Amino acid sequence: MEQSEIKLFEGKNIRYVWDEQKEQYFFSVVDVIQVLTESTNPQTYWRVLKKRLSDEGNETVTNCNALKLPAADGKMRLTDVATTEQLLRLIQSVPSKKAEPFKLWLAEVGRQRLEQLQ
């Protein structure tokens, strides 16, 4: 796996890692939740949403892995991450006016990666 990096969505940081072997991105779920909800405590929002989805039998949550990403204090901390596909499923569970712009942003991130590979 490559080092983690940061991409911006509407001026907000979205931490991610590109996995060379799996050839896919892993995005920080908490960062995405913060952008979509504008919550002052996205960790709590994610914890509550994760429990609700798990109780509903939604496998998206159980398939989220944790990777070490740089935290606000500069230390590497385990953070729930999701693939693009998992994020698209999660976005459906979060009422947000930013859902569509975020989906377009994800598509652009993917397009940029394809251009890099060419």
PDB file of N, CA and C in Angstrom:
ATOM      1  N   MET A   1       0.829  -1.180   0.000  1.00  0.00           N
ATOM      2  CA  MET A   1       0.000   0.000   0.000  1.00  0.00           C
ATOM      3  C   MET A   1       0.874   1.243   0.000  1.00  0.00           C
ATOM      4  N   GLU A   2       0.429   2.235  -0.719  1.00  0.00           N
ATOM      5  CA  GLU A   2       1.154   3.503  -0.723  1.00  0.00           C
ATOM      6  C   GLU A   2       0.861   4.273   0.544  1.00  0.00           C
ATOM      7  N   GLN A   3       1.599   5.335   0.735  1.00  0.00           N
ATOM      8  CA  GLN A   3       1.331   6.206   1.883  1.00  0.00           C
ATOM      9  C   GLN A   3      -0.030   6.860   1.719  1.00  0.00           C
ATOM     10  N   SER A   4      -0.605   7.223   2.837  1.00  0.00           N
ATOM     11  CA  SER A   4      -1.893   7.911   2.780  1.00  0.00           C
ATOM     12  C   SER A   4      -1.678   9.320   2.247  1.00  0.00           C
ATOM     13  N   GLU A   5      -2.722   9.835   1.635  1.00  0.00           N
ATOM     14  CA  GLU A   5      -2.683  11.179   1.088  1.00  0.00           C
ATOM     15  C   GLU A   5      -3.992  11.873   1.427  1.00  0.00           C
ATOM     16  N   ILE A   6      -4.106  13.109   0.970  1.00  0.00           N
ATOM     17  CA  ILE A   6      -5.316  13.894   1.222  1.00  0.00           C
ATOM     18  C   ILE A   6      -5.786  14.496  -0.091  1.00  0.00           C
ATOM     19  N   LYS A   7      -7.077  14.400  -0.338  1.00  0.00           N
ATOM     20  CA  LYS A   7      -7.702  15.087  -1.459  1.00  0.00           C
ATOM     21  C   LYS A   7      -8.706  16.062  -0.855  1.00  0.00           C
ATOM     22  N   LEU A   8      -9.007  17.113  -1.585  1.00  0.00           N
ATOM     23  CA  LEU A   8      -9.941  18.117  -1.088  1.00  0.00           C
ATOM     24  C   LEU A   8     -11.284  17.985  -1.789  1.00  0.00           C
ATOM     25  N   PHE A   9     -12.345  18.080  -0.993  1.00  0.00           N
ATOM     26  CA  PHE A   9     -13.702  18.197  -1.513  1.00  0.00           C
ATOM     27  C   PHE A   9     -14.283  19.453  -0.883  1.00  0.00           C
ATOM     28  N   GLU A  10     -14.578  20.440  -1.710  1.00  0.00           N
ATOM     29  CA  GLU A  10     -15.109  21.720  -1.233  1.00  0.00           C
ATOM     30  C   GLU A  10     -14.292  22.280  -0.069  1.00  0.00           C
ATOM     31  N   GLY A  11     -12.964  22.185  -0.186  1.00  0.00           N
ATOM     32  CA  GLY A  11     -12.071  22.739   0.817  1.00  0.00           C
ATOM     33  C   GLY A  11     -11.880  21.889   2.058  1.00  0.00           C
ATOM     34  N   LYS A  12     -12.510  20.729   2.116  1.00  0.00           N
ATOM     35  CA  LYS A  12     -12.385  19.832   3.278  1.00  0.00           C
ATOM     36  C   LYS A  12     -11.467  18.667   2.924  1.00  0.00           C
ATOM     37  N   ASN A  13     -10.660  18.252   3.889  1.00  0.00           N
ATOM     38  CA  ASN A  13      -9.732  17.141   3.687  1.00  0.00           C
ATOM     39  C   ASN A  13     -10.452  15.794   3.698  1.00  0.00           C
ATOM     40  N   ILE A  14     -10.122  14.966   2.720  1.00  0.00           N
ATOM     41  CA  ILE A  14     -10.573  13.577   2.683  1.00  0.00           C
ATOM     42  C   ILE A  14      -9.301  12.731   2.625  1.00  0.00           C
ATOM     43  N   ARG A  15      -9.010  12.039   3.723  1.00  0.00           N
ATOM     44  CA  ARG A  15      -7.817  11.186   3.752  1.00  0.00           C
ATOM     45  C   ARG A  15      -8.114   9.901   2.983  1.00  0.00           C
ATOM     46  N   TYR A  16      -7.087   9.407   2.290  1.00  0.00           N
ATOM     47  CA  TYR A  16      -7.263   8.182   1.516  1.00  0.00           C
ATOM     48  C   TYR A  16      -5.938   7.466   1.332  1.00  0.00           C
ATOM     49  N   VAL A  17      -6.044   6.223   0.914  1.00  0.00           N
ATOM     50  CA  VAL A  17      -4.882   5.410   0.572  1.00  0.00           C
ATOM     51  C   VAL A  17      -5.212   4.710  -0.742  1.00  0.00           C
ATOM     52  N   TRP A  18      -4.252   4.644  -1.645  1.00  0.00           N
ATOM     53  CA  TRP A  18      -4.396   3.865  -2.872  1.00  0.00           C
ATOM     54  C   TRP A  18      -3.688   2.539  -2.640  1.00  0.00           C
ATOM     55  N   ASP A  19      -4.411   1.448  -2.799  1.00  0.00           N
ATOM     56  CA  ASP A  19      -3.846   0.106  -2.628  1.00  0.00           C
ATOM     57  C   ASP A  19      -3.438  -0.403  -4.001  1.00  0.00           C
ATOM     58  N   GLU A  20      -2.124  -0.500  -4.217  1.00  0.00           N
ATOM     59  CA  GLU A  20      -1.583  -0.941  -5.509  1.00  0.00           C
ATOM     60  C   GLU A  20      -2.027  -2.356  -5.852  1.00  0.00           C
ATOM     61  N   GLN A  21      -1.991  -3.261  -4.868  1.00  0.00           N
ATOM     62  CA  GLN A  21      -2.333  -4.658  -5.140  1.00  0.00           C
ATOM     63  C   GLN A  21      -3.807  -4.824  -5.502  1.00  0.00           C
ATOM     64  N   LYS A  22      -4.683  -4.167  -4.762  1.00  0.00           N
ATOM     65  CA  LYS A  22      -6.122  -4.286  -5.009  1.00  0.00           C
ATOM     66  C   LYS A  22      -6.597  -3.300  -6.068  1.00  0.00           C
ATOM     67  N   GLU A  23      -5.719  -2.339  -6.408  1.00  0.00           N
ATOM     68  CA  GLU A  23      -6.022  -1.301  -7.375  1.00  0.00           C
ATOM     69  C   GLU A  23      -7.328  -0.577  -7.048  1.00  0.00           C
ATOM     70  N   GLN A  24      -7.392  -0.097  -5.796  1.00  0.00           N
ATOM     71  CA  GLN A  24      -8.562   0.678  -5.392  1.00  0.00           C
ATOM     72  C   GLN A  24      -8.209   1.648  -4.277  1.00  0.00           C
ATOM     73  N   TYR A  25      -9.043   2.679  -4.179  1.00  0.00           N
ATOM     74  CA  TYR A  25      -8.896   3.661  -3.112  1.00  0.00           C
ATOM     75  C   TYR A  25      -9.590   3.166  -1.856  1.00  0.00           C
ATOM     76  N   PHE A  26      -9.063   3.597  -0.713  1.00  0.00           N
ATOM     77  CA  PHE A  26      -9.717   3.433   0.583  1.00  0.00           C
ATOM     78  C   PHE A  26      -9.798   4.829   1.194  1.00  0.00           C
ATOM     79  N   PHE A  27     -11.015   5.330   1.386  1.00  0.00           N
ATOM     80  CA  PHE A  27     -11.252   6.673   1.895  1.00  0.00           C
ATOM     81  C   PHE A  27     -11.655   6.626   3.359  1.00  0.00           C
ATOM     82  N   SER A  28     -11.266   7.634   4.123  1.00  0.00           N
ATOM     83  CA  SER A  28     -11.659   7.737   5.522  1.00  0.00           C
ATOM     84  C   SER A  28     -13.159   7.986   5.610  1.00  0.00           C
ATOM     85  N   VAL A  29     -13.874   7.083   6.269  1.00  0.00           N
ATOM     86  CA  VAL A  29     -15.324   7.202   6.407  1.00  0.00           C
ATOM     87  C   VAL A  29     -15.679   8.439   7.229  1.00  0.00           C
ATOM     88  N   VAL A  30     -14.951   8.687   8.285  1.00  0.00           N
ATOM     89  CA  VAL A  30     -15.247   9.838   9.149  1.00  0.00           C
ATOM     90  C   VAL A  30     -15.102  11.154   8.370  1.00  0.00           C
ATOM     91  N   ASP A  31     -14.101  11.237   7.515  1.00  0.00           N
ATOM     92  CA  ASP A  31     -13.925  12.450   6.712  1.00  0.00           C
ATOM     93  C   ASP A  31     -15.116  12.650   5.772  1.00  0.00           C
ATOM     94  N   VAL A  32     -15.572  11.570   5.168  1.00  0.00           N
ATOM     95  CA  VAL A  32     -16.709  11.649   4.249  1.00  0.00           C
ATOM     96  C   VAL A  32     -17.974  12.027   5.010  1.00  0.00           C
ATOM     97  N   ILE A  33     -18.175  11.409   6.181  1.00  0.00           N
ATOM     98  CA  ILE A  33     -19.339  11.738   7.015  1.00  0.00           C
ATOM     99  C   ILE A  33     -19.310  13.220   7.396  1.00  0.00           C
ATOM    100  N   GLN A  34     -18.148  13.733   7.750  1.00  0.00           N
ATOM    101  CA  GLN A  34     -18.018  15.137   8.135  1.00  0.00           C
ATOM    102  C   GLN A  34     -18.408  16.049   6.977  1.00  0.00           C
ATOM    103  N   VAL A  35     -17.961  15.727   5.773  1.00  0.00           N
ATOM    104  CA  VAL A  35     -18.272  16.538   4.604  1.00  0.00           C
ATOM    105  C   VAL A  35     -19.764  16.494   4.285  1.00  0.00           C
ATOM    106  N   LEU A  36     -20.345  15.307   4.335  1.00  0.00           N
ATOM    107  CA  LEU A  36     -21.757  15.159   3.969  1.00  0.00           C
ATOM    108  C   LEU A  36     -22.701  15.774   4.993  1.00  0.00           C
ATOM    109  N   THR A  37     -22.374  15.634   6.274  1.00  0.00           N
ATOM    110  CA  THR A  37     -23.296  16.059   7.321  1.00  0.00           C
ATOM    111  C   THR A  37     -22.949  17.419   7.916  1.00  0.00           C
ATOM    112  N   GLU A  38     -21.723  17.862   7.715  1.00  0.00           N
ATOM    113  CA  GLU A  38     -21.207  19.075   8.347  1.00  0.00           C
ATOM    114  C   GLU A  38     -21.292  18.967   9.867  1.00  0.00           C
ATOM    115  N   SER A  39     -21.233  17.747  10.351  1.00  0.00           N
ATOM    116  CA  SER A  39     -21.304  17.472  11.789  1.00  0.00           C
ATOM    117  C   SER A  39     -20.047  17.981  12.487  1.00  0.00           C
ATOM    118  N   THR A  40     -20.232  18.506  13.701  1.00  0.00           N
ATOM    119  CA  THR A  40     -19.077  18.924  14.495  1.00  0.00           C
ATOM    120  C   THR A  40     -18.424  17.718  15.163  1.00  0.00           C
ATOM    121  N   ASN A  41     -19.130  16.585  15.184  1.00  0.00           N
ATOM    122  CA  ASN A  41     -18.583  15.360  15.760  1.00  0.00           C
ATOM    123  C   ASN A  41     -18.868  14.176  14.830  1.00  0.00           C
ATOM    124  N   PRO A  42     -18.141  14.123  13.697  1.00  0.00           N
ATOM    125  CA  PRO A  42     -18.413  13.065  12.727  1.00  0.00           C
ATOM    126  C   PRO A  42     -18.127  11.648  13.255  1.00  0.00           C
ATOM    127  N   GLN A  43     -17.225  11.525  14.239  1.00  0.00           N
ATOM    128  CA  GLN A  43     -16.942  10.202  14.812  1.00  0.00           C
ATOM    129  C   GLN A  43     -18.196   9.637  15.479  1.00  0.00           C
ATOM    130  N   THR A  44     -18.900  10.464  16.238  1.00  0.00           N
ATOM    131  CA  THR A  44     -20.124  10.020  16.904  1.00  0.00           C
ATOM    132  C   THR A  44     -21.201   9.718  15.877  1.00  0.00           C
ATOM    133  N   TYR A  45     -21.338  10.590  14.878  1.00  0.00           N
ATOM    134  CA  TYR A  45     -22.328  10.367  13.829  1.00  0.00           C
ATOM    135  C   TYR A  45     -22.074   9.015  13.169  1.00  0.00           C
ATOM    136  N   TRP A  46     -20.803   8.724  12.822  1.00  0.00           N
ATOM    137  CA  TRP A  46     -20.447   7.465  12.178  1.00  0.00           C
ATOM    138  C   TRP A  46     -20.722   6.287  13.108  1.00  0.00           C
ATOM    139  N   ARG A  47     -20.393   6.417  14.376  1.00  0.00           N
ATOM    140  CA  ARG A  47     -20.624   5.328  15.337  1.00  0.00           C
ATOM    141  C   ARG A  47     -22.115   4.979  15.416  1.00  0.00           C
ATOM    142  N   VAL A  48     -22.971   6.002  15.488  1.00  0.00           N
ATOM    143  CA  VAL A  48     -24.424   5.786  15.563  1.00  0.00           C
ATOM    144  C   VAL A  48     -24.938   5.192  14.244  1.00  0.00           C
ATOM    145  N   LEU A  49     -24.489   5.739  13.123  1.00  0.00           N
ATOM    146  CA  LEU A  49     -24.909   5.242  11.812  1.00  0.00           C
ATOM    147  C   LEU A  49     -24.446   3.798  11.612  1.00  0.00           C
ATOM    148  N   LYS A  50     -23.213   3.522  12.034  1.00  0.00           N
ATOM    149  CA  LYS A  50     -22.669   2.168  11.887  1.00  0.00           C
ATOM    150  C   LYS A  50     -23.506   1.166  12.677  1.00  0.00           C
ATOM    151  N   LYS A  51     -23.906   1.524  13.885  1.00  0.00           N
ATOM    152  CA  LYS A  51     -24.735   0.636  14.700  1.00  0.00           C
ATOM    153  C   LYS A  51     -26.092   0.430  14.052  1.00  0.00           C
ATOM    154  N   ARG A  52     -26.690   1.528  13.580  1.00  0.00           N
ATOM    155  CA  ARG A  52     -28.004   1.413  12.941  1.00  0.00           C
ATOM    156  C   ARG A  52     -27.941   0.525  11.704  1.00  0.00           C
ATOM    157  N   LEU A  53     -26.927   0.732  10.856  1.00  0.00           N
ATOM    158  CA  LEU A  53     -26.789  -0.077   9.651  1.00  0.00           C
ATOM    159  C   LEU A  53     -26.518  -1.537   9.986  1.00  0.00           C
ATOM    160  N   SER A  54     -25.696  -1.750  11.003  1.00  0.00           N
ATOM    161  CA  SER A  54     -25.406  -3.116  11.436  1.00  0.00           C
ATOM    162  C   SER A  54     -26.666  -3.810  11.945  1.00  0.00           C
ATOM    163  N   ASP A  55     -27.476  -3.087  12.734  1.00  0.00           N
ATOM    164  CA  ASP A  55     -28.733  -3.640  13.244  1.00  0.00           C
ATOM    165  C   ASP A  55     -29.695  -3.983  12.113  1.00  0.00           C
ATOM    166  N   GLU A  56     -29.614  -3.212  11.011  1.00  0.00           N
ATOM    167  CA  GLU A  56     -30.467  -3.466   9.848  1.00  0.00           C
ATOM    168  C   GLU A  56     -29.931  -4.600   8.984  1.00  0.00           C
ATOM    169  N   GLY A  57     -28.733  -5.083   9.316  1.00  0.00           N
ATOM    170  CA  GLY A  57     -28.130  -6.158   8.532  1.00  0.00           C
ATOM    171  C   GLY A  57     -27.383  -5.670   7.309  1.00  0.00           C
ATOM    172  N   ASN A  58     -27.067  -4.392   7.262  1.00  0.00           N
ATOM    173  CA  ASN A  58     -26.332  -3.819   6.145  1.00  0.00           C
ATOM    174  C   ASN A  58     -24.867  -4.251   6.226  1.00  0.00           C
ATOM    175  N   GLU A  59     -24.395  -4.993   5.226  1.00  0.00           N
ATOM    176  CA  GLU A  59     -23.028  -5.529   5.241  1.00  0.00           C
ATOM    177  C   GLU A  59     -21.978  -4.480   4.910  1.00  0.00           C
ATOM    178  N   THR A  60     -22.384  -3.330   4.414  1.00  0.00           N
ATOM    179  CA  THR A  60     -21.425  -2.274   4.095  1.00  0.00           C
ATOM    180  C   THR A  60     -20.555  -1.963   5.299  1.00  0.00           C
ATOM    181  N   VAL A  61     -21.178  -1.925   6.470  1.00  0.00           N
ATOM    182  CA  VAL A  61     -20.466  -1.568   7.697  1.00  0.00           C
ATOM    183  C   VAL A  61     -19.507  -2.669   8.108  1.00  0.00           C
ATOM    184  N   THR A  62     -19.957  -3.903   8.046  1.00  0.00           N
ATOM    185  CA  THR A  62     -19.108  -5.000   8.501  1.00  0.00           C
ATOM    186  C   THR A  62     -17.920  -5.208   7.566  1.00  0.00           C
ATOM    187  N   ASN A  63     -18.027  -4.708   6.338  1.00  0.00           N
ATOM    188  CA  ASN A  63     -16.930  -4.873   5.388  1.00  0.00           C
ATOM    189  C   ASN A  63     -15.939  -3.706   5.407  1.00  0.00           C
ATOM    190  N   CYS A  64     -16.205  -2.671   6.200  1.00  0.00           N
ATOM    191  CA  CYS A  64     -15.273  -1.545   6.302  1.00  0.00           C
ATOM    192  C   CYS A  64     -14.053  -1.976   7.109  1.00  0.00           C
ATOM    193  N   ASN A  65     -12.889  -1.720   6.550  1.00  0.00           N
ATOM    194  CA  ASN A  65     -11.643  -2.035   7.243  1.00  0.00           C
ATOM    195  C   ASN A  65     -11.142  -0.806   7.977  1.00  0.00           C
ATOM    196  N   ALA A  66     -10.142  -1.002   8.804  1.00  0.00           N
ATOM    197  CA  ALA A  66      -9.475   0.121   9.470  1.00  0.00           C
ATOM    198  C   ALA A  66      -8.017   0.139   9.019  1.00  0.00           C
ATOM    199  N   LEU A  67      -7.560   1.308   8.639  1.00  0.00           N
ATOM    200  CA  LEU A  67      -6.171   1.509   8.264  1.00  0.00           C
ATOM    201  C   LEU A  67      -5.616   2.669   9.065  1.00  0.00           C
ATOM    202  N   LYS A  68      -4.308   2.702   9.205  1.00  0.00           N
ATOM    203  CA  LYS A  68      -3.683   3.813   9.907  1.00  0.00           C
ATOM    204  C   LYS A  68      -3.542   4.997   8.957  1.00  0.00           C
ATOM    205  N   LEU A  69      -4.169   6.105   9.364  1.00  0.00           N
ATOM    206  CA  LEU A  69      -4.095   7.355   8.620  1.00  0.00           C
ATOM    207  C   LEU A  69      -3.665   8.451   9.581  1.00  0.00           C
ATOM    208  N   PRO A  70      -3.047   9.510   9.062  1.00  0.00           N
ATOM    209  CA  PRO A  70      -2.625  10.589   9.954  1.00  0.00           C
ATOM    210  C   PRO A  70      -3.834  11.293  10.566  1.00  0.00           C
ATOM    211  N   ALA A  71      -3.797  11.463  11.880  1.00  0.00           N
ATOM    212  CA  ALA A  71      -4.873  12.145  12.607  1.00  0.00           C
ATOM    213  C   ALA A  71      -4.533  13.628  12.738  1.00  0.00           C
ATOM    214  N   ALA A  72      -5.447  14.388  13.290  1.00  0.00           N
ATOM    215  CA  ALA A  72      -5.249  15.829  13.460  1.00  0.00           C
ATOM    216  C   ALA A  72      -4.012  16.134  14.293  1.00  0.00           C
ATOM    217  N   ASP A  73      -3.669  15.222  15.227  1.00  0.00           N
ATOM    218  CA  ASP A  73      -2.497  15.445  16.073  1.00  0.00           C
ATOM    219  C   ASP A  73      -1.194  14.992  15.406  1.00  0.00           C
ATOM    220  N   GLY A  74      -1.291  14.533  14.145  1.00  0.00           N
ATOM    221  CA  GLY A  74      -0.107  14.117  13.400  1.00  0.00           C
ATOM    222  C   GLY A  74       0.279  12.663  13.595  1.00  0.00           C
ATOM    223  N   LYS A  75      -0.348  11.990  14.542  1.00  0.00           N
ATOM    224  CA  LYS A  75      -0.048  10.577  14.786  1.00  0.00           C
ATOM    225  C   LYS A  75      -0.848   9.707  13.825  1.00  0.00           C
ATOM    226  N   MET A  76      -0.310   8.530  13.553  1.00  0.00           N
ATOM    227  CA  MET A  76      -1.011   7.569  12.710  1.00  0.00           C
ATOM    228  C   MET A  76      -1.989   6.798  13.589  1.00  0.00           C
ATOM    229  N   ARG A  77      -3.267   6.865  13.252  1.00  0.00           N
ATOM    230  CA  ARG A  77      -4.302   6.209  14.044  1.00  0.00           C
ATOM    231  C   ARG A  77      -5.193   5.366  13.141  1.00  0.00           C
ATOM    232  N   LEU A  78      -5.674   4.244  13.711  1.00  0.00           N
ATOM    233  CA  LEU A  78      -6.595   3.401  12.961  1.00  0.00           C
ATOM    234  C   LEU A  78      -7.873   4.168  12.672  1.00  0.00           C
ATOM    235  N   THR A  79      -8.288   4.137  11.433  1.00  0.00           N
ATOM    236  CA  THR A  79      -9.462   4.868  10.965  1.00  0.00           C
ATOM    237  C   THR A  79     -10.273   3.952  10.061  1.00  0.00           C
ATOM    238  N   ASP A  80     -11.598   3.938  10.250  1.00  0.00           N
ATOM    239  CA  ASP A  80     -12.446   3.162   9.348  1.00  0.00           C
ATOM    240  C   ASP A  80     -12.319   3.741   7.949  1.00  0.00           C
ATOM    241  N   VAL A  81     -12.119   2.854   6.981  1.00  0.00           N
ATOM    242  CA  VAL A  81     -12.009   3.265   5.582  1.00  0.00           C
ATOM    243  C   VAL A  81     -12.987   2.459   4.748  1.00  0.00           C
ATOM    244  N   ALA A  82     -13.318   3.000   3.585  1.00  0.00           N
ATOM    245  CA  ALA A  82     -14.248   2.330   2.686  1.00  0.00           C
ATOM    246  C   ALA A  82     -13.786   2.519   1.248  1.00  0.00           C
ATOM    247  N   THR A  83     -14.093   1.532   0.428  1.00  0.00           N
ATOM    248  CA  THR A  83     -13.826   1.641  -0.998  1.00  0.00           C
ATOM    249  C   THR A  83     -14.846   2.584  -1.616  1.00  0.00           C
ATOM    250  N   THR A  84     -14.654   2.915  -2.870  1.00  0.00           N
ATOM    251  CA  THR A  84     -15.601   3.778  -3.570  1.00  0.00           C
ATOM    252  C   THR A  84     -16.992   3.148  -3.561  1.00  0.00           C
ATOM    253  N   GLU A  85     -17.070   1.864  -3.837  1.00  0.00           N
ATOM    254  CA  GLU A  85     -18.365   1.166  -3.851  1.00  0.00           C
ATOM    255  C   GLU A  85     -19.046   1.233  -2.488  1.00  0.00           C
ATOM    256  N   GLN A  86     -18.281   0.984  -1.419  1.00  0.00           N
ATOM    257  CA  GLN A  86     -18.849   1.060  -0.069  1.00  0.00           C
ATOM    258  C   GLN A  86     -19.321   2.470   0.244  1.00  0.00           C
ATOM    259  N   LEU A  87     -18.532   3.484  -0.178  1.00  0.00           N
ATOM    260  CA  LEU A  87     -18.933   4.869   0.076  1.00  0.00           C
ATOM    261  C   LEU A  87     -20.238   5.206  -0.630  1.00  0.00           C
ATOM    262  N   LEU A  88     -20.399   4.742  -1.848  1.00  0.00           N
ATOM    263  CA  LEU A  88     -21.639   5.024  -2.571  1.00  0.00           C
ATOM    264  C   LEU A  88     -22.835   4.429  -1.834  1.00  0.00           C
ATOM    265  N   ARG A  89     -22.660   3.267  -1.230  1.00  0.00           N
ATOM    266  CA  ARG A  89     -23.736   2.669  -0.437  1.00  0.00           C
ATOM    267  C   ARG A  89     -23.986   3.474   0.840  1.00  0.00           C
ATOM    268  N   LEU A  90     -22.911   3.908   1.490  1.00  0.00           N
ATOM    269  CA  LEU A  90     -23.068   4.708   2.711  1.00  0.00           C
ATOM    270  C   LEU A  90     -23.752   6.046   2.433  1.00  0.00           C
ATOM    271  N   ILE A  91     -23.409   6.665   1.316  1.00  0.00           N
ATOM    272  CA  ILE A  91     -23.983   7.959   0.966  1.00  0.00           C
ATOM    273  C   ILE A  91     -25.505   7.856   0.898  1.00  0.00           C
ATOM    274  N   GLN A  92     -26.009   6.723   0.465  1.00  0.00           N
ATOM    275  CA  GLN A  92     -27.457   6.520   0.397  1.00  0.00           C
ATOM    276  C   GLN A  92     -28.101   6.545   1.778  1.00  0.00           C
ATOM    277  N   SER A  93     -27.321   6.267   2.817  1.00  0.00           N
ATOM    278  CA  SER A  93     -27.847   6.218   4.184  1.00  0.00           C
ATOM    279  C   SER A  93     -27.726   7.536   4.922  1.00  0.00           C
ATOM    280  N   VAL A  94     -27.108   8.526   4.291  1.00  0.00           N
ATOM    281  CA  VAL A  94     -26.885   9.816   4.940  1.00  0.00           C
ATOM    282  C   VAL A  94     -27.667  10.891   4.192  1.00  0.00           C
ATOM    283  N   PRO A  95     -28.696  11.449   4.830  1.00  0.00           N
ATOM    284  CA  PRO A  95     -29.424  12.524   4.150  1.00  0.00           C
ATOM    285  C   PRO A  95     -28.526  13.757   4.021  1.00  0.00           C
ATOM    286  N   SER A  96     -28.233  14.121   2.776  1.00  0.00           N
ATOM    287  CA  SER A  96     -27.320  15.245   2.573  1.00  0.00           C
ATOM    288  C   SER A  96     -27.539  15.870   1.206  1.00  0.00           C
ATOM    289  N   LYS A  97     -27.538  17.197   1.179  1.00  0.00           N
ATOM    290  CA  LYS A  97     -27.621  17.909  -0.096  1.00  0.00           C
ATOM    291  C   LYS A  97     -26.293  17.804  -0.860  1.00  0.00           C
ATOM    292  N   LYS A  98     -25.254  17.351  -0.172  1.00  0.00           N
ATOM    293  CA  LYS A  98     -23.949  17.236  -0.803  1.00  0.00           C
ATOM    294  C   LYS A  98     -23.705  15.849  -1.401  1.00  0.00           C
ATOM    295  N   ALA A  99     -24.694  14.963  -1.331  1.00  0.00           N
ATOM    296  CA  ALA A  99     -24.515  13.594  -1.823  1.00  0.00           C
ATOM    297  C   ALA A  99     -24.155  13.577  -3.309  1.00  0.00           C
ATOM    298  N   GLU A 100     -24.924  14.272  -4.125  1.00  0.00           N
ATOM    299  CA  GLU A 100     -24.659  14.258  -5.570  1.00  0.00           C
ATOM    300  C   GLU A 100     -23.319  14.909  -5.921  1.00  0.00           C
ATOM    301  N   PRO A 101     -23.011  16.099  -5.373  1.00  0.00           N
ATOM    302  CA  PRO A 101     -21.688  16.662  -5.668  1.00  0.00           C
ATOM    303  C   PRO A 101     -20.554  15.735  -5.213  1.00  0.00           C
ATOM    304  N   PHE A 102     -20.755  15.033  -4.102  1.00  0.00           N
ATOM    305  CA  PHE A 102     -19.703  14.136  -3.627  1.00  0.00           C
ATOM    306  C   PHE A 102     -19.542  12.948  -4.574  1.00  0.00           C
ATOM    307  N   LYS A 103     -20.635  12.418  -5.086  1.00  0.00           N
ATOM    308  CA  LYS A 103     -20.552  11.317  -6.059  1.00  0.00           C
ATOM    309  C   LYS A 103     -19.779  11.767  -7.296  1.00  0.00           C
ATOM    310  N   LEU A 104     -20.052  12.981  -7.760  1.00  0.00           N
ATOM    311  CA  LEU A 104     -19.323  13.515  -8.913  1.00  0.00           C
ATOM    312  C   LEU A 104     -17.838  13.665  -8.589  1.00  0.00           C
ATOM    313  N   TRP A 105     -17.542  14.088  -7.358  1.00  0.00           N
ATOM    314  CA  TRP A 105     -16.147  14.218  -6.923  1.00  0.00           C
ATOM    315  C   TRP A 105     -15.461  12.845  -6.946  1.00  0.00           C
ATOM    316  N   LEU A 106     -16.147  11.807  -6.452  1.00  0.00           N
ATOM    317  CA  LEU A 106     -15.581  10.455  -6.476  1.00  0.00           C
ATOM    318  C   LEU A 106     -15.287  10.005  -7.902  1.00  0.00           C
ATOM    319  N   ALA A 107     -16.201  10.300  -8.812  1.00  0.00           N
ATOM    320  CA  ALA A 107     -15.995   9.944 -10.215  1.00  0.00           C
ATOM    321  C   ALA A 107     -14.768  10.659 -10.781  1.00  0.00           C
ATOM    322  N   GLU A 108     -14.587  11.925 -10.403  1.00  0.00           N
ATOM    323  CA  GLU A 108     -13.429  12.691 -10.865  1.00  0.00           C
ATOM    324  C   GLU A 108     -12.129  12.119 -10.304  1.00  0.00           C
ATOM    325  N   VAL A 109     -12.136  11.722  -9.050  1.00  0.00           N
ATOM    326  CA  VAL A 109     -10.950  11.098  -8.442  1.00  0.00           C
ATOM    327  C   VAL A 109     -10.592   9.832  -9.227  1.00  0.00           C
ATOM    328  N   GLY A 110     -11.598   9.037  -9.559  1.00  0.00           N
ATOM    329  CA  GLY A 110     -11.358   7.822 -10.338  1.00  0.00           C
ATOM    330  C   GLY A 110     -10.824   8.122 -11.725  1.00  0.00           C
ATOM    331  N   ARG A 111     -11.384   9.144 -12.363  1.00  0.00           N
ATOM    332  CA  ARG A 111     -10.910   9.532 -13.695  1.00  0.00           C
ATOM    333  C   ARG A 111      -9.453   9.974 -13.655  1.00  0.00           C
ATOM    334  N   GLN A 112      -9.086  10.743 -12.640  1.00  0.00           N
ATOM    335  CA  GLN A 112      -7.705  11.200 -12.506  1.00  0.00           C
ATOM    336  C   GLN A 112      -6.759  10.014 -12.349  1.00  0.00           C
ATOM    337  N   ARG A 113      -7.194   9.014 -11.587  1.00  0.00           N
ATOM    338  CA  ARG A 113      -6.351   7.823 -11.382  1.00  0.00           C
ATOM    339  C   ARG A 113      -6.155   7.084 -12.689  1.00  0.00           C
ATOM    340  N   LEU A 114      -7.212   6.956 -13.487  1.00  0.00           N
ATOM    341  CA  LEU A 114      -7.098   6.295 -14.784  1.00  0.00           C
ATOM    342  C   LEU A 114      -6.125   7.033 -15.695  1.00  0.00           C
ATOM    343  N   GLU A 115      -6.175   8.358 -15.662  1.00  0.00           N
ATOM    344  CA  GLU A 115      -5.248   9.150 -16.472  1.00  0.00           C
ATOM    345  C   GLU A 115      -3.811   8.939 -16.023  1.00  0.00           C
ATOM    346  N   GLN A 116      -3.588   8.817 -14.712  1.00  0.00           N
ATOM    347  CA  GLN A 116      -2.246   8.574 -14.184  1.00  0.00           C
ATOM    348  C   GLN A 116      -1.711   7.231 -14.686  1.00  0.00           C
ATOM    349  N   LEU A 117      -2.575   6.238 -14.759  1.00  0.00           N
ATOM    350  CA  LEU A 117      -2.161   4.897 -15.160  1.00  0.00           C
ATOM    351  C   LEU A 117      -1.807   4.842 -16.645  1.00  0.00           C
ATOM    352  N   GLN A 118      -2.414   5.732 -17.437  1.00  0.00           N
ATOM    353  CA  GLN A 118      -2.110   5.753 -18.866  1.00  0.00           C
ATOM    354  C   GLN A 118      -0.812   6.462 -19.056  1.00  0.00           C
TER     355      GLN A 118
END
